[in-house]
Amino acid sequence: MSVICVIGTGYVGLVTGTCLADLGNTVTCVDIVQEKIDRLKQGILPIYEPGLEEMVERNVQADRLHFTTNYQEGLKDSEFIFIAVNTPTGNTQGGADMRFVESAARSIAENLDHYAIVINKSTVPVGSGDVVSRVIQNNLKSPQASFSVVSNPEFLREGAALLDFQNPDRIVLGSTEPEAAHKVARLYLQLRAPFVITDLYTAEMIKYASNAFLATKISFINEIAQICERLGADVKQVAVGMGYDKRIGHAFLDAGLGYGGSCFPKDVRALAHMADEAGLHPQMLRAVMDINHDQRRLVVSKLTNMLGSLRGTTIGILGLAFKPNTDDMREAPAVDIIHWVTSQGASVRVYDPIATETGREALRHENVNMDAVTFCKNPYEVAEQADALVVVTEWNEFKALNMQKISAVMERPVLIDGRNIYDPAEMKRYGFYYRGMGRATNPAPSVLSSEDTTSLDEEEAIQETLIGRES
């Protein structure tokens, strides 16, 4: 087993360090934020990830996992040093901010006193391996210190990170020194995954290209969803029909409010920025970003189409986190939606099973009028006297609600299903005026019948009734 140092205790660093410890290695996680390290030593994690708290506790008790702010302590006897710090968007053009990576590399150089392999786990622009190598080389203090640099991008999904680490589709390793890459590969042999071993630049590009492709699938199906709405088709059935084609697959063909989180938004921006700097014109990447941004605006359009003016209305929001099984609010659609509806004079009632505190912080950060926002204890409280209910995050809890009860306590039973988790016909039976994303307003049943269609006049009457109904 190996001695490993992981720099950074954010999402990637904490998951990587804990999982490597769980494989039997001795791991020390280093972070410059004293409060974060103090809380980790008390068993309080800075993020929510299913199963992570229990795994951290197990490996701390087994004396395999340690936390410190001291680089010298963290690097002592380490054979492998993972850099897993944040690389946020650094400018208006979308380029990645490399300050934290360079700072970590400088600290490694100043405290390293033996040979070690430095592994870039952070998502970094193509060419960053050279930057890390240069920073370390220029700042080495000990004559006994030497190093190799390997790129090892992560492909962890928030909400399923432990499963993804333990069952990877592939492990990508890039280096100018193949022997160093093979040494890193031995860390992962227990996982029995295929290895892709290549040069530094290619490994770094694999990460960006993978995320950009997945983001493109999401924006593609969301554009198809808009076309489906106009033409009377149902995007969920369209996606099913597409997904059976092995060249396409079902994954990431769920129409909704678009992508968010810490990876897709910044990685697509960063890749487009790299293309710009290379003198290229990344038209498709720009379209992906535009569609994703516009998708969440559709919710507000649907609300105004159904309710008329939003001033004086109460809008219920189910879900704050950008996806289920996480409390991550980075680039979360809920923030934009709440900001827009409150700026139009609506008050908002919200509930999320996990992301209440991170959600509150994110809304404050975006200068949302917090006087117009009420945090509720459960979905039924959200629905009370609401003029409309918007599903923003597809938590399993929301799929099992008593929707008849929800409809009964609402002022106006308008349901905007931003994640298409409900059946339109069933919601209609419960008395809802339902709108999904790319769902036909009155979708055809599995077996067509002339008795199941609704005329355009009937649809217009529904909207007039809703807009004219007294609050």
Protein backbone atom coordinates (compact mmCIF):
# COMPACT_ATOMS: atom_id res chain seq x y z
CA MET A 1 0.00 0.00 0.00
CA SER A 2 1.11 3.57 -0.69
CA VAL A 3 1.54 6.81 1.22
CA ILE A 4 -0.52 9.52 -0.45
CA CYS A 5 -1.09 13.25 0.02
CA VAL A 6 -4.21 14.92 -1.37
CA ILE A 7 -4.18 18.71 -1.54
CA GLY A 8 -7.66 20.18 -1.30
CA THR A 9 -10.64 18.90 0.69
CA GLY A 10 -13.37 20.07 -1.62
CA TYR A 11 -15.59 17.70 -3.54
CA VAL A 12 -12.91 16.00 -5.64
CA GLY A 13 -10.17 16.03 -3.01
CA LEU A 14 -12.22 14.67 -0.14
CA VAL A 15 -13.84 11.92 -2.22
CA THR A 16 -10.52 10.94 -3.84
CA GLY A 17 -8.59 10.92 -0.57
CA THR A 18 -11.25 8.97 1.29
CA CYS A 19 -11.68 6.37 -1.44
CA LEU A 20 -7.91 5.88 -1.80
CA ALA A 21 -7.71 5.35 1.98
CA ASP A 22 -10.57 2.86 1.72
CA LEU A 23 -8.42 0.88 -0.74
CA GLY A 24 -5.88 0.45 2.07
CA ASN A 25 -3.52 3.37 1.45
CA THR A 26 -2.36 5.87 4.06
CA VAL A 27 -3.76 9.25 3.00
CA THR A 28 -3.26 12.75 4.39
CA CYS A 29 -5.56 15.48 3.09
CA VAL A 30 -4.14 19.01 3.21
CA ASP A 31 -6.18 22.19 3.14
CA ILE A 32 -5.16 25.77 3.94
CA VAL A 33 -8.52 26.55 5.59
CA GLN A 34 -8.05 25.79 9.28
CA GLU A 35 -11.77 25.79 10.06
CA LYS A 36 -12.45 23.19 7.39
CA ILE A 37 -9.72 20.90 8.72
CA ASP A 38 -10.89 21.36 12.32
CA ARG A 39 -14.42 20.36 11.33
CA LEU A 40 -13.19 17.36 9.34
CA LYS A 41 -11.28 16.15 12.39
CA GLN A 42 -14.60 16.36 14.25
CA GLY A 43 -16.30 14.32 11.54
CA ILE A 44 -18.16 17.31 10.04
CA LEU A 45 -17.92 17.26 6.24
CA PRO A 46 -17.95 20.40 4.06
CA ILE A 47 -20.12 18.69 1.43
CA TYR A 48 -23.00 16.26 1.30
CA GLU A 49 -22.40 13.06 -0.65
CA PRO A 50 -24.29 9.82 0.06
CA GLY A 51 -22.10 7.38 2.00
CA LEU A 52 -19.11 9.70 2.29
CA GLU A 53 -19.51 10.58 5.96
CA GLU A 54 -19.54 6.92 6.95
CA MET A 55 -16.51 6.15 4.77
CA VAL A 56 -14.55 9.08 6.22
CA GLU A 57 -15.33 7.94 9.77
CA ARG A 58 -14.34 4.35 9.01
CA ASN A 59 -10.97 5.28 7.54
CA VAL A 60 -10.15 7.85 10.22
CA GLN A 61 -10.79 5.22 12.88
CA ALA A 62 -8.58 2.77 10.96
CA ASP A 63 -5.78 5.41 11.01
CA ARG A 64 -5.62 5.46 7.22
CA LEU A 65 -7.10 8.94 6.69
CA HIS A 66 -5.72 12.15 8.23
CA PHE A 67 -6.33 15.89 7.86
CA THR A 68 -3.92 18.78 8.29
CA THR A 69 -3.14 22.34 7.21
CA ASN A 70 0.60 21.61 7.36
CA TYR A 71 2.16 20.85 3.97
CA GLN A 72 5.30 19.42 5.54
CA GLU A 73 3.22 16.98 7.54
CA GLY A 74 1.11 16.09 4.53
CA LEU A 75 4.05 15.51 2.18
CA LYS A 76 6.13 13.47 4.63
CA ASP A 77 7.06 10.17 2.94
CA SER A 78 4.33 10.68 0.31
CA GLU A 79 4.91 8.74 -2.87
CA PHE A 80 1.96 10.32 -4.65
CA ILE A 81 0.70 13.91 -4.30
CA PHE A 82 -2.72 14.68 -5.75
CA ILE A 83 -3.59 18.31 -6.53
CA ALA A 84 -7.38 18.52 -6.16
CA VAL A 85 -8.06 22.22 -5.64
CA ASN A 86 -10.76 24.37 -7.18
CA THR A 87 -10.34 25.83 -10.68
CA PRO A 88 -13.24 28.29 -10.97
CA THR A 89 -13.95 30.47 -13.96
CA GLY A 90 -11.37 33.22 -13.75
CA ASN A 91 -12.52 35.90 -16.19
CA THR A 92 -15.46 37.08 -18.25
CA GLN A 93 -14.22 35.09 -21.25
CA GLY A 94 -14.52 31.80 -19.35
CA GLY A 95 -10.88 30.92 -18.75
CA ALA A 96 -10.05 28.76 -15.72
CA ASP A 97 -8.50 30.42 -12.68
CA MET A 98 -5.22 28.59 -12.02
CA ARG A 99 -4.20 30.48 -8.88
CA PHE A 100 -5.05 27.68 -6.47
CA VAL A 101 -3.28 25.06 -8.59
CA GLU A 102 -0.15 27.21 -8.87
CA SER A 103 -0.24 27.96 -5.14
CA ALA A 104 -0.47 24.24 -4.36
CA ALA A 105 2.41 23.49 -6.73
CA ARG A 106 4.53 26.19 -5.08
CA SER A 107 3.81 24.80 -1.62
CA ILE A 108 4.72 21.30 -2.79
CA ALA A 109 8.05 22.57 -4.09
CA GLU A 110 8.85 24.39 -0.86
CA ASN A 111 8.19 21.33 1.34
CA LEU A 112 9.18 18.35 -0.81
CA ASP A 113 12.39 16.58 0.25
CA HIS A 114 12.24 13.34 -1.77
CA TYR A 115 10.98 11.96 -5.10
CA ALA A 116 7.22 11.96 -5.58
CA ILE A 117 4.73 11.81 -8.41
CA VAL A 118 2.55 14.93 -8.56
CA ILE A 119 -0.88 14.15 -9.99
CA ASN A 120 -3.20 16.80 -11.39
CA LYS A 121 -6.70 15.74 -10.33
CA SER A 122 -8.21 19.21 -10.70
CA THR A 123 -9.84 20.03 -14.01
CA VAL A 124 -7.20 22.21 -15.64
CA PRO A 125 -6.74 23.76 -19.10
CA VAL A 126 -4.69 21.91 -21.67
CA GLY A 127 -1.05 22.66 -20.97
CA SER A 128 -1.47 22.97 -17.20
CA GLY A 129 0.79 19.99 -16.58
CA ASP A 130 3.63 22.08 -17.97
CA VAL A 131 2.64 24.96 -15.69
CA VAL A 132 2.68 22.73 -12.60
CA SER A 133 6.00 21.24 -13.60
CA ARG A 134 7.56 24.66 -14.15
CA VAL A 135 6.25 26.10 -10.86
CA ILE A 136 7.56 23.15 -8.86
CA GLN A 137 10.92 23.11 -10.64
CA ASN A 138 11.45 26.84 -10.10
CA ASN A 139 10.64 26.68 -6.37
CA LEU A 140 12.29 23.48 -5.15
CA LYS A 141 14.18 24.03 -1.87
CA SER A 142 15.66 20.63 -1.07
CA PRO A 143 18.46 19.14 -3.20
CA GLN A 144 16.96 15.70 -2.49
CA ALA A 145 13.64 16.66 -4.07
CA SER A 146 12.58 15.47 -7.51
CA PHE A 147 9.25 14.77 -9.14
CA SER A 148 7.20 13.65 -12.10
CA VAL A 149 3.87 15.11 -13.22
CA VAL A 150 0.87 13.00 -14.24
CA SER A 151 -2.59 14.14 -15.33
CA ASN A 152 -5.40 12.01 -13.86
CA PRO A 153 -8.73 13.75 -14.54
CA GLU A 154 -11.75 12.80 -12.44
CA PHE A 155 -15.12 11.71 -13.78
CA LEU A 156 -17.18 11.69 -10.60
CA ARG A 157 -20.89 12.48 -10.63
CA GLU A 158 -22.11 14.41 -7.63
CA GLY A 159 -24.59 12.24 -5.78
CA ALA A 160 -22.92 9.05 -7.03
CA ALA A 161 -19.24 9.83 -6.47
CA LEU A 162 -18.34 6.83 -4.32
CA LEU A 163 -19.96 4.46 -6.80
CA ASP A 164 -18.16 6.17 -9.69
CA PHE A 165 -14.79 6.01 -7.96
CA GLN A 166 -15.19 2.34 -7.14
CA ASN A 167 -16.64 1.41 -10.56
CA PRO A 168 -14.98 3.74 -13.09
CA ASP A 169 -15.74 3.50 -16.81
CA ARG A 170 -12.05 4.20 -17.46
CA ILE A 171 -9.00 5.70 -15.76
CA VAL A 172 -7.17 8.34 -17.78
CA LEU A 173 -3.49 8.98 -17.11
CA GLY A 174 -1.26 11.35 -19.06
CA SER A 175 2.44 12.09 -18.65
CA THR A 176 5.65 12.79 -20.52
CA GLU A 177 7.07 9.96 -18.40
CA PRO A 178 5.20 6.71 -19.11
CA GLU A 179 6.83 4.98 -16.12
CA ALA A 180 5.28 7.56 -13.76
CA ALA A 181 1.85 7.05 -15.34
CA HIS A 182 2.16 3.29 -14.86
CA LYS A 183 3.07 3.75 -11.19
CA VAL A 184 -0.11 5.80 -10.70
CA ALA A 185 -2.06 3.09 -12.53
CA ARG A 186 -1.06 0.61 -9.81
CA LEU A 187 -3.06 2.67 -7.29
CA TYR A 188 -6.20 1.75 -9.21
CA LEU A 189 -5.53 -1.90 -10.09
CA GLN A 190 -8.05 -3.14 -7.51
CA LEU A 191 -10.81 -1.35 -9.41
CA ARG A 192 -10.26 -3.47 -12.53
CA ALA A 193 -11.03 -0.64 -14.92
CA PRO A 194 -9.64 0.00 -18.40
CA PHE A 195 -6.71 2.42 -18.54
CA VAL A 196 -6.13 5.14 -21.12
CA ILE A 197 -2.48 6.16 -20.88
CA THR A 198 -1.43 9.03 -23.06
CA ASP A 199 0.46 12.33 -23.09
CA LEU A 200 -0.35 15.21 -20.72
CA TYR A 201 -2.21 17.40 -23.22
CA THR A 202 -4.44 14.59 -24.45
CA ALA A 203 -5.37 13.49 -20.93
CA GLU A 204 -6.32 17.07 -20.04
CA MET A 205 -8.41 17.37 -23.21
CA ILE A 206 -10.24 14.09 -22.58
CA LYS A 207 -11.78 15.60 -19.45
CA TYR A 208 -13.00 18.75 -21.19
CA ALA A 209 -14.21 16.92 -24.28
CA SER A 210 -16.15 14.40 -22.16
CA ASN A 211 -17.96 17.05 -20.13
CA ALA A 212 -18.65 19.20 -23.19
CA PHE A 213 -20.18 16.22 -25.00
CA LEU A 214 -22.47 15.38 -22.08
CA ALA A 215 -23.50 19.03 -21.77
CA THR A 216 -24.22 19.01 -25.51
CA LYS A 217 -26.55 16.01 -25.15
CA ILE A 218 -28.45 17.87 -22.43
CA SER A 219 -28.80 21.04 -24.49
CA PHE A 220 -29.70 19.01 -27.58
CA ILE A 221 -32.62 17.24 -25.91
CA ASN A 222 -33.77 20.52 -24.38
CA GLU A 223 -33.88 22.13 -27.80
CA ILE A 224 -35.80 19.12 -29.10
CA ALA A 225 -38.14 19.56 -26.11
CA GLN A 226 -39.01 23.09 -27.21
CA ILE A 227 -39.76 21.85 -30.72
CA CYS A 228 -41.88 19.04 -29.27
CA GLU A 229 -43.97 21.52 -27.30
CA ARG A 230 -44.71 23.57 -30.39
CA LEU A 231 -45.55 20.55 -32.54
CA GLY A 232 -47.52 18.54 -29.97
CA ALA A 233 -45.00 15.73 -29.47
CA ASP A 234 -43.81 14.31 -26.13
CA VAL A 235 -40.06 14.62 -25.58
CA LYS A 236 -39.96 11.80 -23.01
CA GLN A 237 -41.20 9.34 -25.60
CA VAL A 238 -38.92 10.87 -28.21
CA ALA A 239 -35.92 10.35 -25.88
CA VAL A 240 -36.92 6.73 -25.24
CA GLY A 241 -37.16 6.09 -28.95
CA MET A 242 -33.79 7.73 -29.57
CA GLY A 243 -32.06 6.02 -26.66
CA TYR A 244 -32.61 2.50 -27.95
CA ASP A 245 -30.20 3.34 -30.74
CA LYS A 246 -26.85 2.03 -29.42
CA ARG A 247 -25.06 4.92 -31.11
CA ILE A 248 -27.04 7.39 -29.00
CA GLY A 249 -27.94 5.73 -25.68
CA HIS A 250 -30.43 6.84 -23.03
CA ALA A 251 -28.05 8.69 -20.71
CA PHE A 252 -28.32 12.50 -20.54
CA LEU A 253 -31.45 12.61 -22.69
CA ASP A 254 -33.71 13.90 -19.92
CA ALA A 255 -35.24 17.21 -20.92
CA GLY A 256 -35.54 19.68 -18.08
CA LEU A 257 -33.96 22.85 -16.74
CA GLY A 258 -30.50 22.17 -18.11
CA TYR A 259 -27.18 21.39 -16.49
CA GLY A 260 -25.63 23.08 -13.46
CA GLY A 261 -23.10 22.24 -10.78
CA SER A 262 -19.38 22.76 -10.56
CA CYS A 263 -18.25 20.98 -13.73
CA PHE A 264 -20.33 21.31 -16.88
CA PRO A 265 -20.87 25.10 -16.84
CA LYS A 266 -17.27 26.07 -16.16
CA ASP A 267 -15.76 23.31 -18.30
CA VAL A 268 -17.80 24.19 -21.38
CA ARG A 269 -16.90 27.86 -20.89
CA ALA A 270 -13.24 27.00 -20.40
CA LEU A 271 -13.11 24.80 -23.52
CA ALA A 272 -14.76 27.54 -25.58
CA HIS A 273 -12.22 30.01 -24.18
CA MET A 274 -9.34 27.71 -25.12
CA ALA A 275 -10.74 27.43 -28.63
CA ASP A 276 -11.01 31.23 -28.86
CA GLU A 277 -7.41 31.63 -27.75
CA ALA A 278 -6.36 29.11 -30.39
CA GLY A 279 -8.01 31.28 -33.06
CA LEU A 280 -11.03 29.01 -33.53
CA HIS A 281 -14.75 29.74 -33.45
CA PRO A 282 -16.51 27.22 -31.13
CA GLN A 283 -20.03 27.72 -32.50
CA MET A 284 -21.51 24.53 -31.09
CA LEU A 285 -20.15 25.12 -27.58
CA ARG A 286 -21.63 28.61 -27.56
CA ALA A 287 -24.99 27.24 -28.67
CA VAL A 288 -24.85 24.65 -25.87
CA MET A 289 -24.33 27.41 -23.31
CA ASP A 290 -27.06 29.64 -24.78
CA ILE A 291 -29.65 26.85 -24.83
CA ASN A 292 -28.81 25.90 -21.26
CA HIS A 293 -29.26 29.45 -20.02
CA ASP A 294 -32.50 29.96 -21.92
CA GLN A 295 -33.99 26.70 -20.65
CA ARG A 296 -34.48 27.93 -17.10
CA ARG A 297 -36.13 31.11 -18.40
CA LEU A 298 -38.84 28.91 -19.89
CA VAL A 299 -40.14 28.23 -16.38
CA VAL A 300 -40.85 31.92 -15.86
CA SER A 301 -42.49 32.12 -19.30
CA LYS A 302 -44.73 29.17 -18.44
CA LEU A 303 -45.69 30.79 -15.14
CA THR A 304 -46.62 34.09 -16.76
CA ASN A 305 -48.53 32.32 -19.53
CA MET A 306 -50.55 30.43 -16.95
CA LEU A 307 -50.97 33.08 -14.24
CA GLY A 308 -50.61 36.39 -16.03
CA SER A 309 -48.65 38.89 -13.94
CA LEU A 310 -46.63 37.30 -11.15
CA ARG A 311 -46.95 40.32 -8.88
CA GLY A 312 -48.67 39.31 -5.67
CA THR A 313 -48.56 35.58 -6.45
CA THR A 314 -47.02 32.84 -4.34
CA ILE A 315 -44.79 30.39 -6.17
CA GLY A 316 -43.78 27.09 -4.58
CA ILE A 317 -40.33 25.74 -5.45
CA LEU A 318 -39.56 22.05 -4.94
CA GLY A 319 -35.80 21.58 -4.88
CA LEU A 320 -32.83 23.94 -4.64
CA ALA A 321 -29.72 21.84 -5.35
CA PHE A 322 -28.68 21.60 -8.99
CA LYS A 323 -29.32 17.83 -8.90
CA PRO A 324 -30.53 15.22 -6.38
CA ASN A 325 -28.32 13.67 -3.68
CA THR A 326 -26.17 16.76 -3.24
CA ASP A 327 -26.34 20.12 -1.50
CA ASP A 328 -24.34 21.81 -4.27
CA MET A 329 -25.88 25.12 -5.36
CA ARG A 330 -23.25 26.09 -7.91
CA GLU A 331 -24.98 27.16 -11.15
CA ALA A 332 -28.26 25.76 -9.77
CA PRO A 333 -31.35 26.64 -11.89
CA ALA A 334 -33.32 27.34 -8.70
CA VAL A 335 -31.24 30.45 -7.99
CA ASP A 336 -32.05 32.05 -11.35
CA ILE A 337 -35.72 31.07 -11.21
CA ILE A 338 -36.21 32.43 -7.69
CA HIS A 339 -34.33 35.61 -8.55
CA TRP A 340 -36.49 36.22 -11.63
CA VAL A 341 -39.90 35.52 -10.05
CA THR A 342 -39.19 37.55 -6.90
CA SER A 343 -37.97 40.46 -9.04
CA GLN A 344 -41.41 40.37 -10.71
CA GLY A 345 -43.15 40.75 -7.36
CA ALA A 346 -43.86 37.14 -6.46
CA SER A 347 -43.20 35.62 -3.08
CA VAL A 348 -41.59 32.18 -2.97
CA ARG A 349 -41.94 29.16 -0.72
CA VAL A 350 -39.12 26.61 -1.07
CA TYR A 351 -38.14 23.18 0.18
CA ASP A 352 -35.11 20.95 -0.42
CA PRO A 353 -34.31 17.80 1.60
CA ILE A 354 -30.60 18.63 1.90
CA ALA A 355 -29.69 22.02 0.40
CA THR A 356 -31.49 24.43 2.74
CA GLU A 357 -28.39 26.10 4.17
CA THR A 358 -26.34 26.09 0.97
CA GLY A 359 -29.44 27.30 -0.85
CA ARG A 360 -29.97 30.16 1.56
CA GLU A 361 -26.33 31.18 1.13
CA ALA A 362 -26.51 30.97 -2.67
CA LEU A 363 -29.65 33.13 -2.83
CA ARG A 364 -28.09 35.76 -0.59
CA HIS A 365 -24.95 35.73 -2.75
CA GLU A 366 -27.07 36.51 -5.82
CA ASN A 367 -28.81 39.38 -3.98
CA VAL A 368 -32.22 37.73 -4.02
CA ASN A 369 -34.80 39.56 -1.91
CA MET A 370 -34.79 37.18 1.05
CA ASP A 371 -37.87 38.84 2.54
CA ALA A 372 -39.80 37.29 -0.34
CA VAL A 373 -38.46 33.77 0.32
CA THR A 374 -39.85 31.35 2.92
CA PHE A 375 -38.03 28.09 3.66
CA CYS A 376 -40.50 25.32 4.42
CA LYS A 377 -40.22 22.04 6.31
CA ASN A 378 -41.84 19.83 3.68
CA PRO A 379 -43.43 19.93 0.20
CA TYR A 380 -46.97 20.16 1.56
CA GLU A 381 -46.12 23.34 3.42
CA VAL A 382 -44.67 24.72 0.17
CA ALA A 383 -47.93 24.04 -1.64
CA GLU A 384 -50.23 25.72 0.90
CA GLN A 385 -52.06 28.63 -0.77
CA ALA A 386 -49.53 28.61 -3.65
CA ASP A 387 -50.62 29.89 -7.05
CA ALA A 388 -48.18 27.56 -8.78
CA LEU A 389 -45.74 24.81 -7.92
CA VAL A 390 -42.43 24.37 -9.78
CA VAL A 391 -40.40 21.16 -9.62
CA VAL A 392 -36.76 22.23 -9.93
CA THR A 393 -34.80 19.24 -8.54
CA GLU A 394 -35.89 15.67 -9.19
CA TRP A 395 -35.50 14.31 -5.66
CA ASN A 396 -37.06 10.86 -5.23
CA GLU A 397 -39.08 12.29 -2.36
CA PHE A 398 -41.00 14.46 -4.83
CA LYS A 399 -41.89 11.48 -7.00
CA ALA A 400 -43.79 9.87 -4.13
CA LEU A 401 -45.88 12.84 -2.94
CA ASN A 402 -49.62 12.68 -2.40
CA MET A 403 -50.37 14.91 -5.36
CA GLN A 404 -54.11 14.92 -4.71
CA LYS A 405 -53.38 16.44 -1.30
CA ILE A 406 -50.95 18.92 -2.88
CA SER A 407 -53.57 20.04 -5.39
CA ALA A 408 -56.21 20.46 -2.69
CA VAL A 409 -54.17 22.89 -0.57
CA MET A 410 -53.06 25.13 -3.45
CA GLU A 411 -54.75 28.42 -4.26
CA ARG A 412 -54.45 27.66 -7.97
CA PRO A 413 -53.35 24.13 -8.90
CA VAL A 414 -50.75 25.08 -11.52
CA LEU A 415 -47.88 22.59 -11.75
CA ILE A 416 -44.74 23.36 -13.75
CA ASP A 417 -42.78 20.12 -13.89
CA GLY A 418 -39.26 21.31 -14.65
CA ARG A 419 -37.88 17.76 -14.55
CA ASN A 420 -40.73 15.80 -16.15
CA ILE A 421 -41.11 13.48 -13.16
CA TYR A 422 -44.91 13.30 -13.30
CA ASP A 423 -47.34 11.81 -15.78
CA PRO A 424 -49.36 14.63 -17.42
CA ALA A 425 -52.58 12.61 -17.66
CA GLU A 426 -52.38 11.57 -14.01
CA MET A 427 -51.76 15.16 -12.90
CA LYS A 428 -54.78 16.27 -14.90
CA ARG A 429 -56.92 13.71 -13.03
CA TYR A 430 -55.71 15.24 -9.75
CA GLY A 431 -56.96 18.63 -10.90
CA PHE A 432 -53.66 20.21 -11.91
CA TYR A 433 -53.09 22.52 -14.83
CA TYR A 434 -49.87 20.78 -15.80
CA ARG A 435 -46.95 21.96 -17.91
CA GLY A 436 -43.80 19.92 -18.36
CA MET A 437 -40.68 20.53 -20.42
CA GLY A 438 -41.28 19.36 -23.94
CA ARG A 439 -44.46 17.49 -23.03
CA ALA A 440 -47.49 17.86 -25.21
CA THR A 441 -50.07 20.00 -23.36
CA ASN A 442 -52.53 17.15 -23.77
CA PRO A 443 -50.26 14.23 -24.69
CA ALA A 444 -51.71 11.33 -26.63
CA PRO A 445 -52.18 8.13 -24.61
CA SER A 446 -50.39 4.93 -25.51
CA VAL A 447 -53.49 3.83 -27.45
CA LEU A 448 -54.92 6.68 -29.49
CA SER A 449 -58.60 7.51 -29.08
CA SER A 450 -60.57 10.44 -30.45
CA GLU A 451 -62.26 10.78 -27.06
CA ASP A 452 -58.93 11.64 -25.39
CA THR A 453 -58.17 14.80 -27.39
CA THR A 454 -58.77 18.36 -26.21
CA SER A 455 -59.62 21.10 -28.67
CA LEU A 456 -57.67 24.36 -28.97
CA ASP A 457 -60.77 26.22 -27.73
CA GLU A 458 -60.78 24.12 -24.57
CA GLU A 459 -57.08 24.83 -24.01
CA GLU A 460 -57.61 28.59 -24.40
CA ALA A 461 -60.53 28.42 -21.95
CA ILE A 462 -58.28 26.72 -19.40
CA GLN A 463 -55.72 29.54 -19.62
CA GLU A 464 -58.38 32.23 -19.39
CA THR A 465 -59.85 30.51 -16.31
CA LEU A 466 -56.48 30.39 -14.61
CA ILE A 467 -55.53 33.97 -15.34
CA GLY A 468 -58.93 35.27 -14.33
CA ARG A 469 -59.33 33.16 -11.21
CA GLU A 470 -59.42 35.20 -8.04
CA SER A 471 -56.43 34.87 -5.70
